[in-house]
PDB file of N, CA and C in Angstrom:
ATOM      1  N   MET A   1     -44.599  -9.132 -20.389  1.00  0.00           N
ATOM      2  CA  MET A   1     -43.306  -9.142 -21.004  1.00  0.00           C
ATOM      3  C   MET A   1     -42.587  -7.802 -20.833  1.00  0.00           C
ATOM      4  N   ALA A   2     -43.338  -6.724 -20.916  1.00  0.00           N
ATOM      5  CA  ALA A   2     -42.749  -5.394 -20.765  1.00  0.00           C
ATOM      6  C   ALA A   2     -42.212  -5.198 -19.355  1.00  0.00           C
ATOM      7  N   GLN A   3     -42.898  -5.774 -18.379  1.00  0.00           N
ATOM      8  CA  GLN A   3     -42.444  -5.636 -16.997  1.00  0.00           C
ATOM      9  C   GLN A   3     -41.119  -6.383 -16.805  1.00  0.00           C
ATOM     10  N   ARG A   4     -40.973  -7.554 -17.407  1.00  0.00           N
ATOM     11  CA  ARG A   4     -39.715  -8.299 -17.322  1.00  0.00           C
ATOM     12  C   ARG A   4     -38.576  -7.489 -17.941  1.00  0.00           C
ATOM     13  N   SER A   5     -38.864  -6.857 -19.046  1.00  0.00           N
ATOM     14  CA  SER A   5     -37.862  -6.051 -19.726  1.00  0.00           C
ATOM     15  C   SER A   5     -37.422  -4.874 -18.853  1.00  0.00           C
ATOM     16  N   ARG A   6     -38.372  -4.240 -18.184  1.00  0.00           N
ATOM     17  CA  ARG A   6     -38.036  -3.132 -17.290  1.00  0.00           C
ATOM     18  C   ARG A   6     -37.227  -3.624 -16.092  1.00  0.00           C
ATOM     19  N   VAL A   7     -37.599  -4.768 -15.548  1.00  0.00           N
ATOM     20  CA  VAL A   7     -36.861  -5.330 -14.406  1.00  0.00           C
ATOM     21  C   VAL A   7     -35.440  -5.685 -14.831  1.00  0.00           C
ATOM     22  N   ALA A   8     -35.317  -6.307 -15.994  1.00  0.00           N
ATOM     23  CA  ALA A   8     -33.982  -6.661 -16.497  1.00  0.00           C
ATOM     24  C   ALA A   8     -33.157  -5.407 -16.727  1.00  0.00           C
ATOM     25  N   GLY A   9     -33.763  -4.384 -17.286  1.00  0.00           N
ATOM     26  CA  GLY A   9     -33.057  -3.118 -17.504  1.00  0.00           C
ATOM     27  C   GLY A   9     -32.625  -2.481 -16.199  1.00  0.00           C
ATOM     28  N   PHE A  10     -33.499  -2.527 -15.211  1.00  0.00           N
ATOM     29  CA  PHE A  10     -33.180  -1.971 -13.893  1.00  0.00           C
ATOM     30  C   PHE A  10     -32.025  -2.732 -13.251  1.00  0.00           C
ATOM     31  N   LEU A  11     -32.084  -4.058 -13.306  1.00  0.00           N
ATOM     32  CA  LEU A  11     -31.017  -4.871 -12.709  1.00  0.00           C
ATOM     33  C   LEU A  11     -29.684  -4.647 -13.419  1.00  0.00           C
ATOM     34  N   THR A  12     -29.719  -4.518 -14.728  1.00  0.00           N
ATOM     35  CA  THR A  12     -28.489  -4.234 -15.482  1.00  0.00           C
ATOM     36  C   THR A  12     -27.908  -2.888 -15.060  1.00  0.00           C
ATOM     37  N   ALA A  13     -28.751  -1.898 -14.969  1.00  0.00           N
ATOM     38  CA  ALA A  13     -28.288  -0.571 -14.546  1.00  0.00           C
ATOM     39  C   ALA A  13     -27.737  -0.614 -13.124  1.00  0.00           C
ATOM     40  N   LEU A  14     -28.368  -1.372 -12.268  1.00  0.00           N
ATOM     41  CA  LEU A  14     -27.908  -1.500 -10.883  1.00  0.00           C
ATOM     42  C   LEU A  14     -26.529  -2.141 -10.816  1.00  0.00           C
ATOM     43  N   VAL A  15     -26.334  -3.191 -11.602  1.00  0.00           N
ATOM     44  CA  VAL A  15     -25.029  -3.863 -11.625  1.00  0.00           C
ATOM     45  C   VAL A  15     -23.952  -2.899 -12.105  1.00  0.00           C
ATOM     46  N   PHE A  16     -24.214  -2.177 -13.193  1.00  0.00           N
ATOM     47  CA  PHE A  16     -23.223  -1.235 -13.698  1.00  0.00           C
ATOM     48  C   PHE A  16     -22.977  -0.087 -12.723  1.00  0.00           C
ATOM     49  N   ALA A  17     -24.012   0.357 -12.060  1.00  0.00           N
ATOM     50  CA  ALA A  17     -23.864   1.469 -11.120  1.00  0.00           C
ATOM     51  C   ALA A  17     -23.023   1.072  -9.915  1.00  0.00           C
ATOM     52  N   THR A  18     -23.130  -0.165  -9.482  1.00  0.00           N
ATOM     53  CA  THR A  18     -22.346  -0.597  -8.328  1.00  0.00           C
ATOM     54  C   THR A  18     -20.947  -1.045  -8.730  1.00  0.00           C
ATOM     55  N   ALA A  19     -20.774  -1.524  -9.948  1.00  0.00           N
ATOM     56  CA  ALA A  19     -19.469  -2.002 -10.394  1.00  0.00           C
ATOM     57  C   ALA A  19     -18.568  -0.869 -10.877  1.00  0.00           C
ATOM     58  N   LEU A  20     -19.142   0.187 -11.387  1.00  0.00           N
ATOM     59  CA  LEU A  20     -18.356   1.275 -11.954  1.00  0.00           C
ATOM     60  C   LEU A  20     -17.394   1.924 -10.951  1.00  0.00           C
ATOM     61  N   PRO A  21     -17.839   2.279  -9.740  1.00  0.00           N
ATOM     62  CA  PRO A  21     -16.885   2.875  -8.797  1.00  0.00           C
ATOM     63  C   PRO A  21     -15.746   1.928  -8.430  1.00  0.00           C
ATOM     64  N   VAL A  22     -16.027   0.644  -8.360  1.00  0.00           N
ATOM     65  CA  VAL A  22     -14.983  -0.336  -8.045  1.00  0.00           C
ATOM     66  C   VAL A  22     -13.991  -0.420  -9.194  1.00  0.00           C
ATOM     67  N   ALA A  23     -14.494  -0.417 -10.417  1.00  0.00           N
ATOM     68  CA  ALA A  23     -13.631  -0.514 -11.588  1.00  0.00           C
ATOM     69  C   ALA A  23     -12.752   0.718 -11.765  1.00  0.00           C
ATOM     70  N   LEU A  24     -13.253   1.873 -11.392  1.00  0.00           N
ATOM     71  CA  LEU A  24     -12.512   3.113 -11.583  1.00  0.00           C
ATOM     72  C   LEU A  24     -11.682   3.530 -10.384  1.00  0.00           C
ATOM     73  N   ALA A  25     -11.803   2.821  -9.284  1.00  0.00           N
ATOM     74  CA  ALA A  25     -11.075   3.188  -8.070  1.00  0.00           C
ATOM     75  C   ALA A  25      -9.573   3.039  -8.287  1.00  0.00           C
ATOM     76  N   ALA A  26      -8.821   3.917  -7.664  1.00  0.00           N
ATOM     77  CA  ALA A  26      -7.363   3.838  -7.744  1.00  0.00           C
ATOM     78  C   ALA A  26      -6.884   2.599  -7.009  1.00  0.00           C
ATOM     79  N   PRO A  27      -5.843   1.971  -7.507  1.00  0.00           N
ATOM     80  CA  PRO A  27      -5.332   0.789  -6.819  1.00  0.00           C
ATOM     81  C   PRO A  27      -4.788   1.164  -5.445  1.00  0.00           C
ATOM     82  N   ALA A  28      -4.859   0.233  -4.530  1.00  0.00           N
ATOM     83  CA  ALA A  28      -4.322   0.469  -3.198  1.00  0.00           C
ATOM     84  C   ALA A  28      -2.817   0.651  -3.309  1.00  0.00           C
ATOM     85  N   SER A  29      -2.301   1.574  -2.550  1.00  0.00           N
ATOM     86  CA  SER A  29      -0.869   1.786  -2.601  1.00  0.00           C
ATOM     87  C   SER A  29      -0.345   2.059  -1.208  1.00  0.00           C
ATOM     88  N   ALA A  30       0.901   1.767  -1.045  1.00  0.00           N
ATOM     89  CA  ALA A  30       1.562   2.031   0.219  1.00  0.00           C
ATOM     90  C   ALA A  30       2.613   3.117  -0.034  1.00  0.00           C
ATOM     91  N   ASP A  31       3.201   3.605   1.028  1.00  0.00           N
ATOM     92  CA  ASP A  31       4.220   4.630   0.878  1.00  0.00           C
ATOM     93  C   ASP A  31       5.157   4.583   2.074  1.00  0.00           C
ATOM     94  N   SER A  32       5.985   5.600   2.201  1.00  0.00           N
ATOM     95  CA  SER A  32       6.967   5.613   3.283  1.00  0.00           C
ATOM     96  C   SER A  32       6.293   5.585   4.653  1.00  0.00           C
ATOM     97  N   GLY A  33       5.092   6.145   4.750  1.00  0.00           N
ATOM     98  CA  GLY A  33       4.372   6.106   6.022  1.00  0.00           C
ATOM     99  C   GLY A  33       4.018   4.682   6.430  1.00  0.00           C
ATOM    100  N   ASP A  34       3.649   3.861   5.468  1.00  0.00           N
ATOM    101  CA  ASP A  34       3.341   2.458   5.770  1.00  0.00           C
ATOM    102  C   ASP A  34       4.601   1.706   6.186  1.00  0.00           C
ATOM    103  N   CYS A  35       5.704   2.030   5.543  1.00  0.00           N
ATOM    104  CA  CYS A  35       6.998   1.445   5.918  1.00  0.00           C
ATOM    105  C   CYS A  35       7.322   1.793   7.370  1.00  0.00           C
ATOM    106  N   TYR A  36       7.186   3.055   7.695  1.00  0.00           N
ATOM    107  CA  TYR A  36       7.496   3.540   9.051  1.00  0.00           C
ATOM    108  C   TYR A  36       6.578   2.895  10.090  1.00  0.00           C
ATOM    109  N   LEU A  37       5.289   2.803   9.772  1.00  0.00           N
ATOM    110  CA  LEU A  37       4.355   2.169  10.704  1.00  0.00           C
ATOM    111  C   LEU A  37       4.663   0.693  10.893  1.00  0.00           C
ATOM    112  N   TYR A  38       5.074   0.022   9.821  1.00  0.00           N
ATOM    113  CA  TYR A  38       5.469  -1.381   9.934  1.00  0.00           C
ATOM    114  C   TYR A  38       6.630  -1.518  10.915  1.00  0.00           C
ATOM    115  N   LEU A  39       7.606  -0.627  10.798  1.00  0.00           N
ATOM    116  CA  LEU A  39       8.751  -0.665  11.709  1.00  0.00           C
ATOM    117  C   LEU A  39       8.326  -0.363  13.143  1.00  0.00           C
ATOM    118  N   LYS A  40       7.475   0.653  13.315  1.00  0.00           N
ATOM    119  CA  LYS A  40       7.017   1.006  14.662  1.00  0.00           C
ATOM    120  C   LYS A  40       6.249  -0.135  15.313  1.00  0.00           C
ATOM    121  N   ASP A  41       5.493  -0.878  14.518  1.00  0.00           N
ATOM    122  CA  ASP A  41       4.725  -2.004  15.047  1.00  0.00           C
ATOM    123  C   ASP A  41       5.613  -3.171  15.452  1.00  0.00           C
ATOM    124  N   ASN A  42       6.809  -3.246  14.879  1.00  0.00           N
ATOM    125  CA  ASN A  42       7.675  -4.395  15.126  1.00  0.00           C
ATOM    126  C   ASN A  42       8.922  -4.086  15.946  1.00  0.00           C
ATOM    127  N   TYR A  43       9.222  -2.826  16.134  1.00  0.00           N
ATOM    128  CA  TYR A  43      10.445  -2.451  16.854  1.00  0.00           C
ATOM    129  C   TYR A  43      10.171  -1.293  17.803  1.00  0.00           C
ATOM    130  N   PHE A  44      10.948  -1.265  18.871  1.00  0.00           N
ATOM    131  CA  PHE A  44      10.899  -0.171  19.830  1.00  0.00           C
ATOM    132  C   PHE A  44      12.053   0.775  19.504  1.00  0.00           C
ATOM    133  N   GLY A  45      11.830   2.061  19.584  1.00  0.00           N
ATOM    134  CA  GLY A  45      12.901   3.036  19.393  1.00  0.00           C
ATOM    135  C   GLY A  45      13.144   3.418  17.942  1.00  0.00           C
ATOM    136  N   ILE A  46      12.121   3.380  17.120  1.00  0.00           N
ATOM    137  CA  ILE A  46      12.263   3.795  15.731  1.00  0.00           C
ATOM    138  C   ILE A  46      12.468   5.307  15.691  1.00  0.00           C
ATOM    139  N   ARG A  47      13.468   5.736  14.911  1.00  0.00           N
ATOM    140  CA  ARG A  47      13.853   7.149  14.891  1.00  0.00           C
ATOM    141  C   ARG A  47      13.733   7.738  13.489  1.00  0.00           C
ATOM    142  N   SER A  48      14.137   8.988  13.377  1.00  0.00           N
ATOM    143  CA  SER A  48      14.027   9.687  12.090  1.00  0.00           C
ATOM    144  C   SER A  48      14.891   9.042  11.011  1.00  0.00           C
ATOM    145  N   VAL A  49      15.994   8.429  11.397  1.00  0.00           N
ATOM    146  CA  VAL A  49      16.841   7.769  10.404  1.00  0.00           C
ATOM    147  C   VAL A  49      16.086   6.618   9.742  1.00  0.00           C
ATOM    148  N   HIS A  50      15.231   5.955  10.498  1.00  0.00           N
ATOM    149  CA  HIS A  50      14.412   4.878   9.935  1.00  0.00           C
ATOM    150  C   HIS A  50      13.373   5.461   8.968  1.00  0.00           C
ATOM    151  N   ARG A  51      12.772   6.566   9.355  1.00  0.00           N
ATOM    152  CA  ARG A  51      11.799   7.230   8.484  1.00  0.00           C
ATOM    153  C   ARG A  51      12.469   7.688   7.189  1.00  0.00           C
ATOM    154  N   ASP A  52      13.678   8.225   7.299  1.00  0.00           N
ATOM    155  CA  ASP A  52      14.407   8.666   6.110  1.00  0.00           C
ATOM    156  C   ASP A  52      14.707   7.493   5.179  1.00  0.00           C
ATOM    157  N   ALA A  53      15.021   6.345   5.752  1.00  0.00           N
ATOM    158  CA  ALA A  53      15.250   5.151   4.931  1.00  0.00           C
ATOM    159  C   ALA A  53      13.972   4.769   4.193  1.00  0.00           C
ATOM    160  N   CYS A  54      12.839   4.875   4.868  1.00  0.00           N
ATOM    161  CA  CYS A  54      11.554   4.578   4.224  1.00  0.00           C
ATOM    162  C   CYS A  54      11.281   5.538   3.074  1.00  0.00           C
ATOM    163  N   VAL A  55      11.647   6.805   3.247  1.00  0.00           N
ATOM    164  CA  VAL A  55      11.484   7.786   2.165  1.00  0.00           C
ATOM    165  C   VAL A  55      12.366   7.390   0.983  1.00  0.00           C
ATOM    166  N   ASP A  56      13.587   6.937   1.260  1.00  0.00           N
ATOM    167  CA  ASP A  56      14.450   6.454   0.184  1.00  0.00           C
ATOM    168  C   ASP A  56      13.782   5.303  -0.565  1.00  0.00           C
ATOM    169  N   GLY A  57      13.178   4.395   0.178  1.00  0.00           N
ATOM    170  CA  GLY A  57      12.483   3.276  -0.448  1.00  0.00           C
ATOM    171  C   GLY A  57      11.332   3.732  -1.322  1.00  0.00           C
ATOM    172  N   GLU A  58      10.596   4.721  -0.848  1.00  0.00           N
ATOM    173  CA  GLU A  58       9.474   5.257  -1.619  1.00  0.00           C
ATOM    174  C   GLU A  58       9.958   5.910  -2.917  1.00  0.00           C
ATOM    175  N   ARG A  59      11.130   6.493  -2.875  1.00  0.00           N
ATOM    176  CA  ARG A  59      11.690   7.172  -4.052  1.00  0.00           C
ATOM    177  C   ARG A  59      12.341   6.197  -5.037  1.00  0.00           C
ATOM    178  N   GLY A  60      12.335   4.907  -4.686  1.00  0.00           N
ATOM    179  CA  GLY A  60      12.873   3.909  -5.601  1.00  0.00           C
ATOM    180  C   GLY A  60      14.254   3.403  -5.256  1.00  0.00           C
ATOM    181  N   TYR A  61      14.811   3.850  -4.154  1.00  0.00           N
ATOM    182  CA  TYR A  61      16.140   3.404  -3.730  1.00  0.00           C
ATOM    183  C   TYR A  61      15.999   2.246  -2.745  1.00  0.00           C
ATOM    184  N   PHE A  62      15.516   1.124  -3.260  1.00  0.00           N
ATOM    185  CA  PHE A  62      15.195  -0.030  -2.415  1.00  0.00           C
ATOM    186  C   PHE A  62      16.421  -0.520  -1.642  1.00  0.00           C
ATOM    187  N   ASP A  63      17.535  -0.709  -2.345  1.00  0.00           N
ATOM    188  CA  ASP A  63      18.738  -1.232  -1.688  1.00  0.00           C
ATOM    189  C   ASP A  63      19.248  -0.285  -0.603  1.00  0.00           C
ATOM    190  N   ASP A  64      19.194   1.009  -0.866  1.00  0.00           N
ATOM    191  CA  ASP A  64      19.606   1.984   0.153  1.00  0.00           C
ATOM    192  C   ASP A  64      18.698   1.909   1.370  1.00  0.00           C
ATOM    193  N   CYS A  65      17.409   1.754   1.112  1.00  0.00           N
ATOM    194  CA  CYS A  65      16.438   1.626   2.204  1.00  0.00           C
ATOM    195  C   CYS A  65      16.789   0.433   3.087  1.00  0.00           C
ATOM    196  N   VAL A  66      16.982  -0.722   2.462  1.00  0.00           N
ATOM    197  CA  VAL A  66      17.295  -1.946   3.213  1.00  0.00           C
ATOM    198  C   VAL A  66      18.613  -1.798   3.958  1.00  0.00           C
ATOM    199  N   ASP A  67      19.641  -1.293   3.270  1.00  0.00           N
ATOM    200  CA  ASP A  67      20.959  -1.161   3.901  1.00  0.00           C
ATOM    201  C   ASP A  67      20.918  -0.233   5.109  1.00  0.00           C
ATOM    202  N   THR A  68      20.235   0.900   4.971  1.00  0.00           N
ATOM    203  CA  THR A  68      20.154   1.842   6.092  1.00  0.00           C
ATOM    204  C   THR A  68      19.419   1.224   7.269  1.00  0.00           C
ATOM    205  N   LEU A  69      18.314   0.572   6.989  1.00  0.00           N
ATOM    206  CA  LEU A  69      17.567  -0.057   8.081  1.00  0.00           C
ATOM    207  C   LEU A  69      18.407  -1.124   8.760  1.00  0.00           C
ATOM    208  N   ARG A  70      19.129  -1.913   7.993  1.00  0.00           N
ATOM    209  CA  ARG A  70      19.993  -2.951   8.588  1.00  0.00           C
ATOM    210  C   ARG A  70      21.089  -2.312   9.425  1.00  0.00           C
ATOM    211  N   ASP A  71      21.671  -1.218   8.918  1.00  0.00           N
ATOM    212  CA  ASP A  71      22.738  -0.535   9.663  1.00  0.00           C
ATOM    213  C   ASP A  71      22.241   0.010  10.996  1.00  0.00           C
ATOM    214  N   PHE A  72      20.935   0.280  11.083  1.00  0.00           N
ATOM    215  CA  PHE A  72      20.385   0.851  12.304  1.00  0.00           C
ATOM    216  C   PHE A  72      19.486  -0.131  13.048  1.00  0.00           C
ATOM    217  N   GLY A  73      19.867  -1.411  13.023  1.00  0.00           N
ATOM    218  CA  GLY A  73      19.294  -2.392  13.932  1.00  0.00           C
ATOM    219  C   GLY A  73      18.056  -3.149  13.493  1.00  0.00           C
ATOM    220  N   ILE A  74      17.668  -3.046  12.239  1.00  0.00           N
ATOM    221  CA  ILE A  74      16.488  -3.765  11.775  1.00  0.00           C
ATOM    222  C   ILE A  74      16.943  -5.075  11.125  1.00  0.00           C
ATOM    223  N   ARG A  75      16.316  -6.168  11.495  1.00  0.00           N
ATOM    224  CA  ARG A  75      16.654  -7.461  10.897  1.00  0.00           C
ATOM    225  C   ARG A  75      16.402  -7.420   9.392  1.00  0.00           C
ATOM    226  N   HIS A  76      17.175  -8.208   8.670  1.00  0.00           N
ATOM    227  CA  HIS A  76      17.114  -8.185   7.206  1.00  0.00           C
ATOM    228  C   HIS A  76      15.699  -8.408   6.675  1.00  0.00           C
ATOM    229  N   ARG A  77      15.039  -9.441   7.165  1.00  0.00           N
ATOM    230  CA  ARG A  77      13.703  -9.747   6.622  1.00  0.00           C
ATOM    231  C   ARG A  77      12.708  -8.629   6.909  1.00  0.00           C
ATOM    232  N   HIS A  78      12.852  -7.976   8.054  1.00  0.00           N
ATOM    233  CA  HIS A  78      11.964  -6.851   8.372  1.00  0.00           C
ATOM    234  C   HIS A  78      12.314  -5.619   7.540  1.00  0.00           C
ATOM    235  N   ALA A  79      13.606  -5.424   7.300  1.00  0.00           N
ATOM    236  CA  ALA A  79      14.028  -4.292   6.470  1.00  0.00           C
ATOM    237  C   ALA A  79      13.489  -4.450   5.053  1.00  0.00           C
ATOM    238  N   VAL A  80      13.587  -5.663   4.520  1.00  0.00           N
ATOM    239  CA  VAL A  80      13.086  -5.916   3.171  1.00  0.00           C
ATOM    240  C   VAL A  80      11.578  -5.679   3.120  1.00  0.00           C
ATOM    241  N   ARG A  81      10.868  -6.200   4.100  1.00  0.00           N
ATOM    242  CA  ARG A  81       9.405  -6.047   4.118  1.00  0.00           C
ATOM    243  C   ARG A  81       9.012  -4.570   4.238  1.00  0.00           C
ATOM    244  N   ALA A  82       9.676  -3.842   5.116  1.00  0.00           N
ATOM    245  CA  ALA A  82       9.368  -2.418   5.296  1.00  0.00           C
ATOM    246  C   ALA A  82       9.632  -1.648   3.999  1.00  0.00           C
ATOM    247  N   CYS A  83      10.738  -1.937   3.351  1.00  0.00           N
ATOM    248  CA  CYS A  83      11.070  -1.232   2.110  1.00  0.00           C
ATOM    249  C   CYS A  83      10.131  -1.632   0.979  1.00  0.00           C
ATOM    250  N   GLU A  84       9.633  -2.846   1.010  1.00  0.00           N
ATOM    251  CA  GLU A  84       8.613  -3.239   0.037  1.00  0.00           C
ATOM    252  C   GLU A  84       7.345  -2.409   0.237  1.00  0.00           C
ATOM    253  N   TRP A  85       6.988  -2.158   1.494  1.00  0.00           N
ATOM    254  CA  TRP A  85       5.824  -1.302   1.772  1.00  0.00           C
ATOM    255  C   TRP A  85       6.054   0.103   1.220  1.00  0.00           C
ATOM    256  N   ALA A  86       7.269   0.587   1.376  1.00  0.00           N
ATOM    257  CA  ALA A  86       7.581   1.943   0.914  1.00  0.00           C
ATOM    258  C   ALA A  86       7.554   2.027  -0.608  1.00  0.00           C
ATOM    259  N   GLU A  87       7.974   0.955  -1.252  1.00  0.00           N
ATOM    260  CA  GLU A  87       8.155   0.966  -2.692  1.00  0.00           C
ATOM    261  C   GLU A  87       6.839   0.855  -3.473  1.00  0.00           C
ATOM    262  N   ARG A  88       5.807   0.316  -2.885  1.00  0.00           N
ATOM    263  CA  ARG A  88       4.544   0.074  -3.605  1.00  0.00           C
ATOM    264  C   ARG A  88       3.906   1.336  -4.098  1.00  0.00           C
TER     265      ARG A  88
END
C-alpha cells in the first residue's frame, strides 16, 4: 500500500511539474513584425510605408493601419488581416 501511495504521489508531482510551465507561459502574441511578414508573404514590393502602417496597427490605430495599407496597394481583406496580426 505504501508503494502505491508513493507512486501516486510521484505521478501527481509529475503532472503538476509538466503542467505548471504551460499554465504560467505568456500567451502567444503578434506584433507589427508579424503584420509586415504577412504582407511580405503575400505581396511583392512591400516598403517602409507598409511597415509604418503595421506599427500604427500595433499601437492600436487599426483603422489607420487598414487605410494606409489600402492606399498603398493592399487588398482590403489582406489589409484587415495584416492589421489584425499587428493588433494582437
